[in-house]
């Protein structure tokens, strides 16, 4: 039945089954990002940009990423916040850049400058495709492998 001194106990004793079920489900949620069913896209974006881990979990509990996947499978309960988590789980790209933490975004900016400088080298500028070809490869293939959410 639950201890009357806890929120779960009080909800159970007073017949608030939906509240009791939510409290039971959410007891393993360790971060604000776990609360995808109640936070809005702006809060999710702020958490992601602030460095929230997509893989945070208590032992045996769900991660924000696993919750987002589950929510999106159940189309009726999908949310903009869950969609942002799924986008943030993808490799770095110009499209996902804004969802990465500050350190990763700074690394991406530095790497973009490096790629731009390399693409302006004489051998590259005179080669097939010109400078744009190297920069396209740099941004599309090198940077996604170099910029990681949790490693910057």
N, C-alpha and C. Protein backbone atom coordinates (compact mmCIF):
# COMPACT_ATOMS: atom_id res chain seq x y z
N UNK A 1 0.82 -1.19 0.00
CA UNK A 1 0.00 0.00 0.00
C UNK A 1 0.86 1.25 0.00
N UNK A 2 2.03 1.22 0.62
CA UNK A 2 2.89 2.39 0.63
C UNK A 2 2.82 3.13 1.95
N UNK A 3 3.92 3.71 2.33
CA UNK A 3 4.04 4.47 3.57
C UNK A 3 3.32 5.81 3.41
N UNK A 4 2.44 6.15 4.35
CA UNK A 4 1.66 7.39 4.30
C UNK A 4 2.56 8.62 4.26
N UNK A 5 3.80 8.51 4.75
CA UNK A 5 4.69 9.67 4.81
C UNK A 5 5.36 9.97 3.48
N UNK A 6 5.17 9.14 2.48
CA UNK A 6 5.76 9.39 1.17
C UNK A 6 4.67 9.83 0.20
N UNK A 7 5.09 10.47 -0.88
CA UNK A 7 4.12 10.87 -1.90
C UNK A 7 3.41 9.65 -2.47
N UNK A 8 4.17 8.58 -2.69
CA UNK A 8 3.56 7.35 -3.22
C UNK A 8 2.55 6.77 -2.24
N UNK A 9 2.91 6.74 -0.98
CA UNK A 9 1.99 6.21 0.03
C UNK A 9 0.72 7.03 0.13
N UNK A 10 0.87 8.34 0.10
CA UNK A 10 -0.30 9.21 0.20
C UNK A 10 -1.19 9.05 -1.03
N UNK A 11 -0.59 9.01 -2.22
CA UNK A 11 -1.38 8.85 -3.45
C UNK A 11 -2.11 7.52 -3.46
N UNK A 12 -1.43 6.47 -3.01
CA UNK A 12 -2.05 5.15 -2.98
C UNK A 12 -3.20 5.11 -1.99
N UNK A 13 -2.96 5.60 -0.80
CA UNK A 13 -3.97 5.56 0.26
C UNK A 13 -5.21 6.38 -0.11
N UNK A 14 -5.00 7.46 -0.83
CA UNK A 14 -6.13 8.34 -1.16
C UNK A 14 -6.77 7.98 -2.51
N UNK A 15 -6.33 6.89 -3.10
CA UNK A 15 -6.97 6.40 -4.33
C UNK A 15 -6.58 7.12 -5.60
N UNK A 16 -5.44 7.79 -5.60
CA UNK A 16 -4.96 8.48 -6.80
C UNK A 16 -4.06 7.54 -7.59
N UNK A 17 -4.69 6.58 -8.25
CA UNK A 17 -3.96 5.51 -8.94
C UNK A 17 -3.03 6.04 -10.03
N UNK A 18 -3.46 7.03 -10.80
CA UNK A 18 -2.61 7.55 -11.88
C UNK A 18 -1.37 8.23 -11.31
N UNK A 19 -1.54 8.98 -10.25
CA UNK A 19 -0.40 9.64 -9.61
C UNK A 19 0.54 8.59 -9.03
N UNK A 20 0.00 7.58 -8.37
CA UNK A 20 0.82 6.51 -7.80
C UNK A 20 1.58 5.78 -8.90
N UNK A 21 0.93 5.52 -10.02
CA UNK A 21 1.60 4.84 -11.14
C UNK A 21 2.74 5.70 -11.68
N UNK A 22 2.50 7.01 -11.83
CA UNK A 22 3.55 7.90 -12.33
C UNK A 22 4.72 7.97 -11.35
N UNK A 23 4.43 8.05 -10.07
CA UNK A 23 5.49 8.09 -9.06
C UNK A 23 6.31 6.81 -9.08
N UNK A 24 5.66 5.68 -9.27
CA UNK A 24 6.37 4.41 -9.34
C UNK A 24 7.25 4.36 -10.59
N UNK A 25 6.71 4.78 -11.72
CA UNK A 25 7.47 4.78 -12.98
C UNK A 25 8.66 5.73 -12.90
N UNK A 26 8.45 6.90 -12.34
CA UNK A 26 9.49 7.93 -12.37
C UNK A 26 10.52 7.81 -11.24
N UNK A 27 10.37 6.86 -10.34
CA UNK A 27 11.31 6.78 -9.22
C UNK A 27 12.73 6.43 -9.68
N UNK A 28 12.88 5.90 -10.89
CA UNK A 28 14.21 5.59 -11.41
C UNK A 28 14.74 6.67 -12.34
N UNK A 29 14.05 7.76 -12.45
CA UNK A 29 14.50 8.85 -13.31
C UNK A 29 15.47 9.72 -12.52
N UNK A 30 16.70 9.81 -13.01
CA UNK A 30 17.77 10.43 -12.25
C UNK A 30 18.08 11.87 -12.65
N UNK A 31 17.58 12.32 -13.79
CA UNK A 31 17.92 13.66 -14.28
C UNK A 31 16.67 14.38 -14.77
N UNK A 32 16.74 15.69 -14.91
CA UNK A 32 15.60 16.41 -15.48
C UNK A 32 15.23 15.92 -16.89
N UNK A 33 16.22 15.48 -17.66
CA UNK A 33 15.96 15.02 -19.02
C UNK A 33 15.14 13.72 -19.05
N UNK A 34 15.12 12.99 -17.95
CA UNK A 34 14.28 11.79 -17.88
C UNK A 34 12.79 12.15 -17.94
N UNK A 35 12.43 13.36 -17.60
CA UNK A 35 11.03 13.77 -17.50
C UNK A 35 10.49 14.27 -18.84
N UNK A 36 10.79 13.54 -19.91
CA UNK A 36 10.41 13.94 -21.26
C UNK A 36 8.90 14.07 -21.45
N UNK A 37 8.15 13.35 -20.66
CA UNK A 37 6.70 13.41 -20.81
C UNK A 37 6.10 14.70 -20.26
N UNK A 38 6.87 15.45 -19.48
CA UNK A 38 6.32 16.67 -18.89
C UNK A 38 7.11 17.93 -19.19
N UNK A 39 8.35 17.81 -19.69
CA UNK A 39 9.11 19.02 -20.01
C UNK A 39 8.83 19.42 -21.46
N UNK A 40 8.99 20.70 -21.74
CA UNK A 40 8.76 21.16 -23.10
C UNK A 40 10.07 21.15 -23.89
N UNK A 41 9.97 21.46 -25.17
CA UNK A 41 11.14 21.42 -26.04
C UNK A 41 12.22 22.41 -25.59
N UNK A 42 11.82 23.58 -25.12
CA UNK A 42 12.80 24.58 -24.68
C UNK A 42 13.62 24.05 -23.51
N UNK A 43 12.97 23.40 -22.56
CA UNK A 43 13.69 22.84 -21.41
C UNK A 43 14.61 21.71 -21.85
N UNK A 44 14.12 20.84 -22.74
CA UNK A 44 14.95 19.74 -23.24
C UNK A 44 16.17 20.29 -23.97
N UNK A 45 15.97 21.31 -24.81
CA UNK A 45 17.08 21.91 -25.54
C UNK A 45 18.10 22.50 -24.57
N UNK A 46 17.63 23.18 -23.55
CA UNK A 46 18.54 23.76 -22.55
C UNK A 46 19.33 22.67 -21.83
N UNK A 47 18.67 21.58 -21.47
CA UNK A 47 19.36 20.47 -20.80
C UNK A 47 20.42 19.87 -21.72
N UNK A 48 20.06 19.65 -22.98
CA UNK A 48 21.01 19.06 -23.94
C UNK A 48 22.20 19.99 -24.17
N UNK A 49 21.94 21.27 -24.36
CA UNK A 49 23.02 22.23 -24.56
C UNK A 49 23.87 22.39 -23.30
N UNK A 50 23.26 22.14 -22.15
CA UNK A 50 23.97 22.22 -20.88
C UNK A 50 24.80 20.98 -20.57
N UNK A 51 24.73 19.98 -21.43
CA UNK A 51 25.56 18.79 -21.24
C UNK A 51 24.87 17.60 -20.62
N UNK A 52 23.54 17.61 -20.55
CA UNK A 52 22.83 16.47 -19.97
C UNK A 52 23.19 15.19 -20.73
N UNK A 53 23.44 14.14 -19.98
CA UNK A 53 23.80 12.86 -20.59
C UNK A 53 22.56 12.15 -21.12
N UNK A 54 22.69 11.63 -22.32
CA UNK A 54 21.60 10.84 -22.91
C UNK A 54 21.57 9.44 -22.32
N UNK A 55 22.66 9.06 -21.66
CA UNK A 55 22.80 7.70 -21.13
C UNK A 55 22.73 7.63 -19.61
N UNK A 56 22.39 8.72 -18.95
CA UNK A 56 22.31 8.72 -17.48
C UNK A 56 21.23 7.76 -17.02
N UNK A 57 21.55 6.98 -16.00
CA UNK A 57 20.56 6.04 -15.46
C UNK A 57 21.00 5.55 -14.10
N UNK A 58 20.02 5.27 -13.26
CA UNK A 58 20.31 4.54 -12.03
C UNK A 58 20.44 3.07 -12.43
N UNK A 59 21.05 2.28 -11.60
CA UNK A 59 21.27 0.87 -11.91
C UNK A 59 19.97 0.19 -12.32
N UNK A 60 19.94 -0.31 -13.53
CA UNK A 60 18.76 -1.00 -14.03
C UNK A 60 17.64 -0.11 -14.53
N UNK A 61 17.82 1.19 -14.43
CA UNK A 61 16.77 2.12 -14.85
C UNK A 61 16.93 2.56 -16.29
N UNK A 62 15.93 3.27 -16.80
CA UNK A 62 15.98 3.73 -18.18
C UNK A 62 16.89 4.96 -18.32
N UNK A 63 17.32 5.21 -19.53
CA UNK A 63 18.07 6.42 -19.86
C UNK A 63 17.12 7.40 -20.54
N UNK A 64 17.49 8.68 -20.59
CA UNK A 64 16.65 9.60 -21.36
C UNK A 64 16.50 9.14 -22.82
N UNK A 65 17.57 8.59 -23.38
CA UNK A 65 17.50 8.12 -24.77
C UNK A 65 16.52 6.96 -24.92
N UNK A 66 16.57 6.01 -23.99
CA UNK A 66 15.63 4.87 -24.09
C UNK A 66 14.19 5.33 -23.88
N UNK A 67 13.98 6.29 -23.00
CA UNK A 67 12.63 6.83 -22.80
C UNK A 67 12.13 7.56 -24.05
N UNK A 68 13.03 8.32 -24.69
CA UNK A 68 12.65 9.04 -25.92
C UNK A 68 12.28 8.05 -27.02
N UNK A 69 13.07 7.00 -27.16
CA UNK A 69 12.75 5.99 -28.19
C UNK A 69 11.39 5.35 -27.92
N UNK A 70 11.15 5.02 -26.67
CA UNK A 70 9.88 4.41 -26.29
C UNK A 70 8.71 5.35 -26.56
N UNK A 71 8.88 6.62 -26.20
CA UNK A 71 7.82 7.60 -26.42
C UNK A 71 7.50 7.77 -27.90
N UNK A 72 8.54 7.79 -28.73
CA UNK A 72 8.31 8.00 -30.15
C UNK A 72 7.70 6.77 -30.82
N UNK A 73 7.94 5.59 -30.26
CA UNK A 73 7.29 4.38 -30.78
C UNK A 73 5.79 4.41 -30.51
N UNK A 74 5.44 4.98 -29.38
CA UNK A 74 4.02 5.13 -29.04
C UNK A 74 3.58 6.50 -29.55
N UNK A 75 3.22 6.56 -30.80
CA UNK A 75 2.97 7.83 -31.49
C UNK A 75 2.08 8.79 -30.70
N UNK A 76 1.14 8.26 -29.97
CA UNK A 76 0.23 9.12 -29.22
C UNK A 76 0.93 9.87 -28.10
N UNK A 77 2.06 9.33 -27.61
CA UNK A 77 2.75 9.99 -26.50
C UNK A 77 4.06 10.63 -26.91
N UNK A 78 4.37 10.64 -28.21
CA UNK A 78 5.60 11.29 -28.67
C UNK A 78 5.57 12.76 -28.30
N UNK A 79 6.74 13.35 -28.16
CA UNK A 79 6.78 14.76 -27.78
C UNK A 79 7.94 15.45 -28.48
N UNK A 80 7.87 16.76 -28.52
CA UNK A 80 8.96 17.54 -29.11
C UNK A 80 10.24 17.35 -28.30
N UNK A 81 10.12 17.22 -26.99
CA UNK A 81 11.30 17.01 -26.14
C UNK A 81 11.95 15.67 -26.47
N UNK A 82 11.15 14.62 -26.64
CA UNK A 82 11.69 13.30 -26.99
C UNK A 82 12.35 13.35 -28.36
N UNK A 83 11.75 14.06 -29.30
CA UNK A 83 12.33 14.19 -30.63
C UNK A 83 13.69 14.87 -30.56
N UNK A 84 13.83 15.89 -29.72
CA UNK A 84 15.12 16.57 -29.58
C UNK A 84 16.19 15.63 -29.01
N UNK A 85 15.81 14.78 -28.06
CA UNK A 85 16.76 13.81 -27.51
C UNK A 85 17.22 12.85 -28.60
N UNK A 86 16.31 12.39 -29.43
CA UNK A 86 16.69 11.50 -30.53
C UNK A 86 17.60 12.21 -31.53
N UNK A 87 17.33 13.47 -31.81
CA UNK A 87 18.20 14.24 -32.70
C UNK A 87 19.59 14.40 -32.08
N UNK A 88 19.63 14.69 -30.79
CA UNK A 88 20.91 14.90 -30.10
C UNK A 88 21.74 13.62 -30.03
N UNK A 89 21.10 12.47 -30.16
CA UNK A 89 21.82 11.20 -30.13
C UNK A 89 22.52 10.90 -31.45
N UNK A 90 22.14 11.62 -32.49
CA UNK A 90 22.78 11.41 -33.80
C UNK A 90 24.19 12.01 -33.76
N UNK A 91 25.06 11.57 -34.68
CA UNK A 91 26.40 12.16 -34.74
C UNK A 91 26.33 13.67 -35.00
N UNK A 92 27.41 14.36 -34.63
CA UNK A 92 27.46 15.79 -34.87
C UNK A 92 27.26 16.07 -36.36
N UNK A 93 26.53 17.12 -36.66
CA UNK A 93 26.37 17.64 -38.02
C UNK A 93 25.93 19.09 -37.87
N UNK A 94 25.95 19.84 -38.96
CA UNK A 94 25.42 21.20 -38.85
C UNK A 94 23.98 21.22 -38.33
N UNK A 95 23.21 20.17 -38.64
CA UNK A 95 21.81 20.10 -38.19
C UNK A 95 21.68 19.81 -36.69
N UNK A 96 22.62 19.05 -36.12
CA UNK A 96 22.53 18.68 -34.70
C UNK A 96 23.41 19.57 -33.81
N UNK A 97 24.21 20.40 -34.41
CA UNK A 97 25.18 21.24 -33.69
C UNK A 97 24.56 21.96 -32.49
N UNK A 98 23.40 22.56 -32.66
CA UNK A 98 22.78 23.37 -31.60
C UNK A 98 22.35 22.54 -30.40
N UNK A 99 22.30 21.22 -30.53
CA UNK A 99 21.87 20.36 -29.42
C UNK A 99 23.05 19.79 -28.64
N UNK A 100 24.26 20.14 -29.03
CA UNK A 100 25.45 19.63 -28.34
C UNK A 100 25.86 20.60 -27.23
N UNK A 101 26.57 20.09 -26.21
CA UNK A 101 27.05 20.96 -25.12
C UNK A 101 28.04 22.01 -25.64
N UNK A 102 28.24 23.04 -24.86
CA UNK A 102 29.09 24.17 -25.24
C UNK A 102 30.50 23.73 -25.64
N UNK A 103 31.11 22.82 -24.90
CA UNK A 103 32.47 22.39 -25.22
C UNK A 103 32.52 21.70 -26.58
N UNK A 104 31.52 20.91 -26.89
CA UNK A 104 31.48 20.23 -28.19
C UNK A 104 31.24 21.23 -29.31
N UNK A 105 30.40 22.22 -29.07
CA UNK A 105 30.16 23.25 -30.08
C UNK A 105 31.42 24.07 -30.32
N UNK A 106 32.17 24.34 -29.26
CA UNK A 106 33.43 25.09 -29.41
C UNK A 106 34.44 24.27 -30.20
N UNK A 107 34.53 22.98 -29.92
CA UNK A 107 35.43 22.10 -30.67
C UNK A 107 35.02 22.08 -32.14
N UNK A 108 33.73 21.99 -32.41
CA UNK A 108 33.24 21.99 -33.80
C UNK A 108 33.63 23.29 -34.51
N UNK A 109 33.51 24.41 -33.82
CA UNK A 109 33.89 25.69 -34.42
C UNK A 109 35.38 25.72 -34.74
N UNK A 110 36.20 25.23 -33.82
CA UNK A 110 37.65 25.20 -34.05
C UNK A 110 37.99 24.26 -35.21
N UNK A 111 37.33 23.12 -35.26
CA UNK A 111 37.58 22.18 -36.36
C UNK A 111 37.11 22.74 -37.69
N UNK A 112 36.04 23.49 -37.69
CA UNK A 112 35.56 24.10 -38.93
C UNK A 112 36.57 25.12 -39.45
N UNK A 113 37.15 25.89 -38.56
CA UNK A 113 38.19 26.85 -38.96
C UNK A 113 39.38 26.09 -39.53
N UNK A 114 39.79 25.02 -38.85
CA UNK A 114 40.91 24.21 -39.33
C UNK A 114 40.61 23.65 -40.72
N UNK A 115 39.42 23.10 -40.90
CA UNK A 115 39.04 22.56 -42.21
C UNK A 115 39.03 23.63 -43.28
N UNK A 116 38.55 24.81 -42.92
CA UNK A 116 38.53 25.93 -43.88
C UNK A 116 39.96 26.31 -44.27
N UNK A 117 40.84 26.41 -43.29
CA UNK A 117 42.23 26.76 -43.59
C UNK A 117 42.90 25.68 -44.45
N UNK A 118 42.66 24.42 -44.13
CA UNK A 118 43.23 23.34 -44.93
C UNK A 118 42.71 23.38 -46.37
N UNK A 119 41.44 23.70 -46.51
CA UNK A 119 40.84 23.71 -47.85
C UNK A 119 41.38 24.86 -48.71
N UNK A 120 41.96 25.84 -48.08
CA UNK A 120 42.51 26.98 -48.81
C UNK A 120 43.97 26.78 -49.19
N UNK A 121 44.55 25.64 -48.80
CA UNK A 121 45.94 25.36 -49.18
C UNK A 121 46.08 25.26 -50.68
N UNK A 122 47.27 25.59 -51.20
CA UNK A 122 47.48 25.66 -52.64
C UNK A 122 47.20 24.33 -53.34
N UNK A 123 47.67 23.22 -52.79
CA UNK A 123 47.46 21.93 -53.44
C UNK A 123 45.97 21.58 -53.52
N UNK A 124 45.25 21.88 -52.47
CA UNK A 124 43.82 21.59 -52.46
C UNK A 124 43.08 22.52 -53.41
N UNK A 125 43.40 23.80 -53.36
CA UNK A 125 42.71 24.78 -54.19
C UNK A 125 42.86 24.47 -55.66
N UNK A 126 44.00 23.89 -56.05
CA UNK A 126 44.24 23.58 -57.46
C UNK A 126 43.80 22.18 -57.83
N UNK A 127 43.43 21.36 -56.85
CA UNK A 127 43.05 19.97 -57.11
C UNK A 127 41.62 19.84 -57.60
N UNK A 128 41.23 18.58 -57.90
CA UNK A 128 39.86 18.35 -58.39
C UNK A 128 38.82 18.77 -57.35
N UNK A 129 37.84 19.49 -57.80
CA UNK A 129 36.77 19.92 -56.90
C UNK A 129 37.06 21.22 -56.19
N UNK A 130 38.30 21.66 -56.21
CA UNK A 130 38.66 22.90 -55.56
C UNK A 130 38.53 22.84 -54.05
N UNK A 131 38.61 23.98 -53.38
CA UNK A 131 38.60 24.01 -51.92
C UNK A 131 37.29 23.53 -51.31
N UNK A 132 36.19 23.69 -52.02
CA UNK A 132 34.91 23.27 -51.48
C UNK A 132 34.81 21.78 -51.26
N UNK A 133 35.50 21.00 -52.09
CA UNK A 133 35.43 19.54 -51.97
C UNK A 133 36.01 19.08 -50.64
N UNK A 134 37.18 19.59 -50.28
CA UNK A 134 37.80 19.18 -49.01
C UNK A 134 36.93 19.62 -47.83
N UNK A 135 36.42 20.82 -47.90
CA UNK A 135 35.60 21.31 -46.79
C UNK A 135 34.32 20.48 -46.64
N UNK A 136 33.73 20.08 -47.75
CA UNK A 136 32.54 19.21 -47.69
C UNK A 136 32.86 17.89 -47.01
N UNK A 137 33.99 17.29 -47.37
CA UNK A 137 34.40 16.02 -46.76
C UNK A 137 34.73 16.24 -45.29
N UNK A 138 35.40 17.33 -44.98
CA UNK A 138 35.77 17.65 -43.60
C UNK A 138 34.53 17.75 -42.71
N UNK A 139 33.55 18.52 -43.16
CA UNK A 139 32.33 18.74 -42.36
C UNK A 139 31.46 17.48 -42.33
N UNK A 140 31.37 16.78 -43.46
CA UNK A 140 30.48 15.64 -43.55
C UNK A 140 31.01 14.34 -43.00
N UNK A 141 32.35 14.19 -42.96
CA UNK A 141 32.93 12.91 -42.55
C UNK A 141 33.90 13.01 -41.39
N UNK A 142 34.75 14.01 -41.38
CA UNK A 142 35.76 14.11 -40.31
C UNK A 142 35.13 14.63 -39.02
N UNK A 143 34.43 15.73 -39.10
CA UNK A 143 33.89 16.36 -37.89
C UNK A 143 32.91 15.47 -37.12
N UNK A 144 32.03 14.72 -37.79
CA UNK A 144 31.13 13.84 -37.02
C UNK A 144 31.87 12.79 -36.19
N UNK A 145 33.07 12.41 -36.63
CA UNK A 145 33.86 11.44 -35.86
C UNK A 145 34.66 12.12 -34.74
N UNK A 146 34.93 13.39 -34.91
CA UNK A 146 35.76 14.10 -33.93
C UNK A 146 34.95 14.78 -32.82
N UNK A 147 33.74 15.19 -33.11
CA UNK A 147 32.92 15.92 -32.14
C UNK A 147 31.94 14.95 -31.50
N UNK A 148 32.08 14.78 -30.19
CA UNK A 148 31.21 13.86 -29.43
C UNK A 148 30.55 14.63 -28.29
N UNK A 149 29.35 14.24 -27.95
CA UNK A 149 28.63 14.90 -26.85
C UNK A 149 29.40 14.83 -25.54
N UNK A 150 29.91 13.66 -25.21
CA UNK A 150 30.47 13.42 -23.88
C UNK A 150 31.99 13.54 -23.81
N UNK A 151 32.63 13.88 -24.91
CA UNK A 151 34.09 13.89 -24.91
C UNK A 151 34.71 15.25 -25.10
N UNK A 152 33.93 16.26 -25.37
CA UNK A 152 34.51 17.57 -25.64
C UNK A 152 34.93 18.25 -24.36
